[in-house]
Amino acid sequence: MGRSKTVTLRDIAVATGFSINTVSHALKEKPDISKQTRALIQKTAQEMGYIGNASASFLRSGISKTIAIILGDISNPHFSIMVREIETYIRELGYTPFILNTDEDEENEYKAILSAVQKNVDGIILCPVQRSRENIRFLQKTGVPFVLIGRRFAGEDADYVVCDDENGGYIAAKYLLELGHRDILFLNGPLHISSAAERLQGYQRAFKEMGVACRPELIYSGSSQAGGWGDVLAQALKQHPSVTALLAFSDLIAWESILALKNMGLRVPKDISVMGFDDIQSRFRFPVLLTTVSSSKRTMATAAAELLLKKIQEDAREQIVLKTKLIVRESTRAL
């Protein structure tokens, strides 16, 4: 079956009895057309299957009204919550989101940036992979306005919205230390990621401030192996049976660890306290109420979208660091 004939403005004009100019203004929501006429023309256009030519509109105005959101993994609730908030914010202002995953892969990130630029997006919100600075340098050369979200490059002239990861790591570790824990296992992210590096700095600062020796062998920085974080955790506890608390780089790692501990016959928090980071439980319900650090997802997403639109309109420049706070629930206890 062949492709059906494209419906034109002239076709809609003939069907409604209005001029092509009136039809064009009505479909663009111009105020010089009455609401009643706009409604009639828009209804007719929808019934006829009219689709506006975005490319032609871009050539005329230089504005596509689309924004690319490039993230590591949309299936991660932390990212999906932020995407939803960004989408809600920009849609209200007439923009359409264009979402791309990188799977934390540098080549995928380059292709995502290239695809977004080729599609003439007005701006890009990017959570960078950070294995190198090549892609961020490429993005800077394109001239497309962009804002980094969740991660930042030290010393790089780029706008970003991040949470205070160093303080997050600090308040998390300090809380566990104040509960009496001393052997605290830290399942951290790869250290080329700014948030992981900064959370480790905060973790170490808490130990120093509390006068407790920090054991480097209890810090695991990197991605999980083929068997997942459960295998990493099982090996760590076998080597270090004195561990009484676990701090995870993310809530997802914390939940995976809780399941692994259950399979080992260990109870949370009676046998081991578990603490996450991100507070995804603020949006999702889980059977174990997880103690965590809030990274201000909604505020971060809205601030990133707002900053990007400012950059598109007036070339604004800003680097925003949001506060982190402790959320105490039921997965931790005092010794």
Protein backbone atom coordinates (compact mmCIF):
# COMPACT_ATOMS: atom_id res chain seq x y z
CA MET A 1 0.00 0.00 0.00
CA GLY A 2 1.48 3.34 -1.06
CA ARG A 3 1.90 6.36 1.12
CA SER A 4 -1.23 8.55 1.19
CA LYS A 5 -1.23 12.03 -0.34
CA THR A 6 0.18 14.74 1.89
CA VAL A 7 -2.50 17.15 3.11
CA THR A 8 -1.60 20.78 2.39
CA LEU A 9 -2.75 24.14 3.72
CA ARG A 10 -4.59 24.64 0.44
CA ASP A 11 -6.54 21.40 1.03
CA ILE A 12 -7.63 22.62 4.47
CA ALA A 13 -8.53 26.03 3.03
CA VAL A 14 -10.77 24.41 0.43
CA ALA A 15 -12.41 22.19 3.04
CA THR A 16 -13.12 25.03 5.48
CA GLY A 17 -13.74 27.91 3.10
CA PHE A 18 -11.07 30.10 4.66
CA SER A 19 -8.01 31.56 2.97
CA ILE A 20 -4.64 29.79 3.09
CA ASN A 21 -3.29 32.65 5.19
CA THR A 22 -6.11 32.27 7.74
CA VAL A 23 -5.55 28.51 7.91
CA SER A 24 -1.81 29.02 8.43
CA HIS A 25 -2.36 31.53 11.25
CA ALA A 26 -4.97 29.31 12.92
CA LEU A 27 -2.66 26.29 12.94
CA LYS A 28 0.11 28.44 14.45
CA GLU A 29 -2.24 29.66 17.20
CA LYS A 30 -1.90 33.28 16.03
CA PRO A 31 -4.01 35.71 18.13
CA ASP A 32 -5.41 37.47 15.03
CA ILE A 33 -7.70 34.48 14.41
CA SER A 34 -10.78 34.02 16.63
CA LYS A 35 -10.92 31.03 18.96
CA GLN A 36 -13.97 29.66 17.15
CA THR A 37 -12.24 29.83 13.75
CA ARG A 38 -9.02 28.35 15.14
CA ALA A 39 -10.93 25.47 16.69
CA LEU A 40 -12.78 24.72 13.42
CA ILE A 41 -9.62 24.82 11.30
CA GLN A 42 -7.58 22.76 13.76
CA LYS A 43 -10.33 20.13 14.01
CA THR A 44 -10.57 19.91 10.23
CA ALA A 45 -6.78 19.65 9.90
CA GLN A 46 -6.72 16.80 12.42
CA GLU A 47 -9.54 14.95 10.68
CA MET A 48 -7.76 15.29 7.32
CA GLY A 49 -4.47 14.00 8.75
CA TYR A 50 -2.51 17.23 8.32
CA ILE A 51 1.11 17.20 9.55
CA GLY A 52 3.06 20.44 9.57
CA ASN A 53 6.44 20.61 7.85
CA ALA A 54 8.86 21.07 10.74
CA SER A 55 11.87 21.33 8.41
CA ALA A 56 10.28 24.15 6.41
CA SER A 57 9.35 25.93 9.62
CA PHE A 58 12.92 25.63 10.86
CA LEU A 59 14.30 27.05 7.61
CA ARG A 60 12.01 30.06 7.95
CA SER A 61 12.55 30.78 11.63
CA GLY A 62 15.76 28.97 12.64
CA ILE A 63 13.77 27.56 15.59
CA SER A 64 12.77 23.88 15.78
CA LYS A 65 11.05 24.00 19.21
CA THR A 66 12.75 20.71 20.10
CA ILE A 67 15.22 19.94 22.87
CA ALA A 68 17.39 16.82 23.09
CA ILE A 69 17.74 15.08 26.45
CA ILE A 70 20.74 12.75 26.41
CA LEU A 71 21.10 10.45 29.43
CA GLY A 72 22.89 7.27 30.46
CA ASP A 73 19.89 4.97 30.82
CA ILE A 74 16.24 6.03 30.75
CA SER A 75 15.27 2.73 32.45
CA ASN A 76 17.04 3.96 35.60
CA PRO A 77 14.28 5.55 37.76
CA HIS A 78 16.66 8.37 38.71
CA PHE A 79 16.91 9.41 35.06
CA SER A 80 13.28 8.68 34.20
CA ILE A 81 12.06 10.94 37.00
CA MET A 82 14.24 13.79 35.73
CA VAL A 83 13.14 13.25 32.12
CA ARG A 84 9.51 13.46 33.19
CA GLU A 85 10.13 16.74 35.03
CA ILE A 86 12.09 18.25 32.11
CA GLU A 87 9.41 17.15 29.65
CA THR A 88 6.62 18.66 31.75
CA TYR A 89 8.47 21.96 32.04
CA ILE A 90 9.42 22.39 28.37
CA ARG A 91 6.09 21.18 26.97
CA GLU A 92 4.30 23.97 28.81
CA LEU A 93 6.52 26.39 26.89
CA GLY A 94 5.84 24.79 23.52
CA TYR A 95 8.94 22.61 23.21
CA THR A 96 9.07 18.92 22.32
CA PRO A 97 11.62 16.59 23.97
CA PHE A 98 13.88 14.32 21.95
CA ILE A 99 15.27 11.62 24.27
CA LEU A 100 18.43 9.59 23.62
CA ASN A 101 20.26 6.95 25.69
CA THR A 102 24.04 6.53 25.77
CA ASP A 103 24.25 3.38 27.93
CA GLU A 104 27.23 5.17 29.49
CA ASP A 105 29.17 4.53 26.28
CA GLU A 106 31.36 7.27 24.78
CA GLU A 107 30.72 6.29 21.14
CA ASN A 108 26.96 6.18 21.76
CA GLU A 109 27.21 9.60 23.35
CA TYR A 110 28.97 11.04 20.30
CA LYS A 111 26.32 9.56 17.99
CA ALA A 112 23.54 10.93 20.21
CA ILE A 113 25.01 14.44 20.15
CA LEU A 114 25.54 14.24 16.39
CA SER A 115 21.97 13.01 15.84
CA ALA A 116 20.55 15.81 17.98
CA VAL A 117 22.54 18.48 16.16
CA GLN A 118 21.58 17.07 12.75
CA LYS A 119 17.94 17.23 13.77
CA ASN A 120 18.38 20.97 14.43
CA VAL A 121 17.39 20.86 18.10
CA ASP A 122 17.36 24.25 19.80
CA GLY A 123 19.34 22.96 22.77
CA ILE A 124 20.66 19.88 24.57
CA ILE A 125 20.49 18.69 28.18
CA LEU A 126 23.26 16.14 28.69
CA CYS A 127 24.31 13.83 31.50
CA PRO A 128 27.85 13.16 30.21
CA VAL A 129 29.62 9.79 30.14
CA GLN A 130 32.87 11.51 31.23
CA ARG A 131 35.36 8.88 30.07
CA SER A 132 37.08 11.74 28.24
CA ARG A 133 36.37 15.34 27.27
CA GLU A 134 36.28 14.78 23.51
CA ASN A 135 32.49 14.72 23.21
CA ILE A 136 32.00 17.82 25.34
CA ARG A 137 34.58 19.63 23.19
CA PHE A 138 32.76 18.47 20.05
CA LEU A 139 29.46 19.75 21.48
CA GLN A 140 31.04 23.11 22.29
CA LYS A 141 32.22 23.45 18.67
CA THR A 142 28.70 22.87 17.29
CA GLY A 143 27.49 26.10 18.86
CA VAL A 144 24.26 24.44 20.06
CA PRO A 145 23.29 25.68 23.56
CA PHE A 146 23.63 22.92 26.15
CA VAL A 147 23.47 22.31 29.88
CA LEU A 148 25.08 19.41 31.75
CA ILE A 149 22.90 17.71 34.35
CA GLY A 150 24.00 15.58 37.30
CA ARG A 151 27.70 15.65 36.38
CA ARG A 152 30.32 18.30 35.65
CA PHE A 153 33.85 18.63 34.32
CA ALA A 154 36.31 20.34 36.65
CA GLY A 155 37.82 23.43 35.03
CA GLU A 156 35.60 23.17 31.94
CA ASP A 157 33.79 26.26 30.65
CA ALA A 158 30.38 24.59 30.55
CA ASP A 159 27.09 25.32 32.28
CA TYR A 160 25.66 22.67 34.58
CA VAL A 161 23.13 21.81 37.25
CA VAL A 162 24.36 19.25 39.78
CA CYS A 163 23.71 18.35 43.38
CA ASP A 164 26.34 18.85 46.07
CA ASP A 165 27.75 15.33 45.75
CA GLU A 166 30.66 15.95 48.11
CA ASN A 167 28.27 17.00 50.87
CA GLY A 168 26.02 14.07 50.01
CA GLY A 169 28.83 11.59 50.56
CA TYR A 170 29.79 13.44 53.72
CA ILE A 171 26.36 13.47 55.39
CA ALA A 172 25.75 9.84 54.45
CA ALA A 173 29.02 8.58 55.93
CA LYS A 174 28.76 10.86 58.97
CA TYR A 175 25.27 9.58 59.75
CA LEU A 176 26.45 5.95 59.66
CA LEU A 177 29.47 6.81 61.81
CA GLU A 178 27.25 8.58 64.33
CA LEU A 179 25.15 5.41 64.56
CA GLY A 180 28.29 3.64 65.72
CA HIS A 181 29.33 1.93 62.48
CA ARG A 182 33.03 1.84 61.75
CA ASP A 183 33.49 -0.77 59.02
CA ILE A 184 31.37 0.81 56.30
CA LEU A 185 31.43 -0.75 52.85
CA PHE A 186 31.14 1.84 50.06
CA LEU A 187 29.90 0.53 46.69
CA ASN A 188 30.73 3.59 44.61
CA GLY A 189 30.45 4.43 40.92
CA PRO A 190 33.42 4.73 38.52
CA LEU A 191 35.72 7.55 39.60
CA HIS A 192 35.82 9.14 36.14
CA ILE A 193 32.22 10.23 36.93
CA SER A 194 32.33 13.50 38.84
CA SER A 195 29.49 12.54 41.21
CA ALA A 196 31.30 9.34 42.26
CA ALA A 197 34.62 11.13 42.79
CA GLU A 198 32.98 13.89 44.83
CA ARG A 199 30.93 11.49 46.97
CA LEU A 200 34.11 9.61 47.79
CA GLN A 201 35.73 12.88 48.89
CA GLY A 202 32.77 13.54 51.20
CA TYR A 203 32.90 9.99 52.56
CA GLN A 204 36.59 10.40 53.38
CA ARG A 205 36.00 13.84 54.95
CA ALA A 206 33.43 12.40 57.34
CA PHE A 207 35.87 9.74 58.58
CA LYS A 208 38.59 12.34 59.07
CA GLU A 209 36.29 14.74 60.89
CA MET A 210 35.01 11.96 63.18
CA GLY A 211 38.56 10.79 63.93
CA VAL A 212 37.90 7.32 62.52
CA ALA A 213 40.42 5.52 60.30
CA CYS A 214 39.08 5.13 56.76
CA ARG A 215 39.79 1.67 55.33
CA PRO A 216 40.55 1.90 51.57
CA GLU A 217 39.91 -1.82 51.13
CA LEU A 218 36.22 -1.21 51.96
CA ILE A 219 35.81 1.21 49.03
CA TYR A 220 34.77 -0.36 45.72
CA SER A 221 34.77 2.19 42.90
CA GLY A 222 33.62 1.04 39.49
CA SER A 223 30.88 -0.83 37.68
CA SER A 224 29.50 -4.17 38.80
CA GLN A 225 30.89 -7.33 37.28
CA ALA A 226 28.97 -9.81 35.09
CA GLY A 227 27.12 -11.18 38.13
CA GLY A 228 26.02 -7.74 39.24
CA TRP A 229 26.64 -5.95 42.51
CA GLY A 230 25.48 -9.01 44.43
CA ASP A 231 28.68 -10.85 43.52
CA VAL A 232 30.80 -7.83 44.47
CA LEU A 233 28.99 -7.61 47.80
CA ALA A 234 29.31 -11.33 48.53
CA GLN A 235 33.06 -11.24 47.87
CA ALA A 236 33.51 -8.10 49.97
CA LEU A 237 31.67 -9.55 52.97
CA LYS A 238 33.63 -12.79 52.69
CA GLN A 239 36.88 -10.82 52.81
CA HIS A 240 35.63 -8.33 55.43
CA PRO A 241 33.09 -10.01 57.75
CA SER A 242 33.34 -7.10 60.21
CA VAL A 243 31.27 -4.85 57.90
CA THR A 244 28.11 -3.60 59.63
CA ALA A 245 26.93 -0.95 57.16
CA LEU A 246 26.81 -0.41 53.41
CA LEU A 247 26.68 2.89 51.55
CA ALA A 248 25.67 2.62 47.89
CA PHE A 249 26.36 5.07 45.07
CA SER A 250 22.69 4.90 44.07
CA ASP A 251 19.37 3.64 45.36
CA LEU A 252 19.37 1.02 42.58
CA ILE A 253 22.65 -0.43 43.88
CA ALA A 254 21.24 -0.28 47.41
CA TRP A 255 18.13 -2.25 46.37
CA GLU A 256 20.25 -4.81 44.54
CA SER A 257 22.41 -5.14 47.64
CA ILE A 258 19.39 -5.63 49.90
CA LEU A 259 18.19 -8.50 47.70
CA ALA A 260 21.67 -10.04 47.69
CA LEU A 261 21.90 -9.76 51.48
CA LYS A 262 18.52 -11.46 51.81
CA ASN A 263 19.75 -14.31 49.63
CA MET A 264 22.76 -14.63 51.94
CA GLY A 265 20.46 -14.92 54.94
CA LEU A 266 21.35 -11.44 56.26
CA ARG A 267 18.71 -9.03 57.52
CA VAL A 268 18.49 -5.30 56.87
CA PRO A 269 19.04 -3.40 59.11
CA LYS A 270 19.44 -5.94 61.93
CA ASP A 271 22.57 -7.54 60.48
CA ILE A 272 23.71 -4.81 58.09
CA SER A 273 22.51 -1.23 57.65
CA VAL A 274 22.05 -0.14 54.02
CA MET A 275 22.00 3.41 52.69
CA GLY A 276 21.37 4.65 49.15
CA PHE A 277 21.64 7.90 47.20
CA ASP A 278 19.03 9.65 44.98
CA ASP A 279 15.80 9.12 46.98
CA ILE A 280 13.89 7.51 44.13
CA GLN A 281 11.51 6.23 46.81
CA SER A 282 10.05 9.73 46.89
CA ARG A 283 8.26 8.68 43.67
CA PHE A 284 8.22 4.86 43.87
CA ARG A 285 7.01 2.56 46.63
CA PHE A 286 9.20 -0.32 47.81
CA PRO A 287 8.73 -2.86 50.63
CA VAL A 288 11.87 -1.71 52.48
CA LEU A 289 11.93 1.96 53.41
CA LEU A 290 15.44 2.99 52.34
CA THR A 291 17.56 5.55 54.15
CA THR A 292 19.12 7.68 51.45
CA VAL A 293 20.41 11.09 50.35
CA SER A 294 18.08 13.29 48.33
CA SER A 295 19.68 14.74 45.20
CA SER A 296 16.84 17.19 44.43
CA LYS A 297 15.79 15.46 41.17
CA ARG A 298 12.77 17.67 40.47
CA THR A 299 14.62 20.88 41.27
CA MET A 300 17.63 19.73 39.24
CA ALA A 301 15.52 18.86 36.20
CA THR A 302 13.52 22.09 36.30
CA ALA A 303 16.63 24.21 36.88
CA ALA A 304 18.43 22.55 33.94
CA ALA A 305 15.47 23.12 31.61
CA GLU A 306 15.05 26.71 32.77
CA LEU A 307 18.76 27.45 32.32
CA LEU A 308 18.82 25.90 28.84
CA LEU A 309 15.86 27.98 27.68
CA LYS A 310 17.59 31.10 29.01
CA LYS A 311 20.70 30.15 27.04
CA ILE A 312 18.63 29.65 23.90
CA GLN A 313 16.95 33.03 24.28
CA GLU A 314 19.68 35.21 25.73
CA ASP A 315 22.94 33.25 26.02
CA ALA A 316 22.76 32.99 29.83
CA ARG A 317 25.68 31.46 31.73
CA GLU A 318 25.38 29.71 35.10
CA GLN A 319 26.75 26.80 37.12
CA ILE A 320 24.27 25.60 39.74
CA VAL A 321 24.99 23.34 42.73
CA LEU A 322 21.90 22.17 44.63
CA LYS A 323 21.82 21.14 48.28
CA THR A 324 21.68 17.49 49.29
CA LYS A 325 19.88 16.28 52.40
CA LEU A 326 19.63 13.14 54.48
CA ILE A 327 16.39 11.11 54.35
CA VAL A 328 16.24 8.68 57.28
CA ARG A 329 13.96 5.67 56.91
CA GLU A 330 14.10 2.06 58.15
CA SER A 331 17.13 0.46 56.45
CA THR A 332 19.69 1.74 58.96
CA ARG A 333 20.06 1.36 62.72
CA ALA A 334 22.46 2.19 65.54
CA LEU A 335 24.88 -0.47 66.76
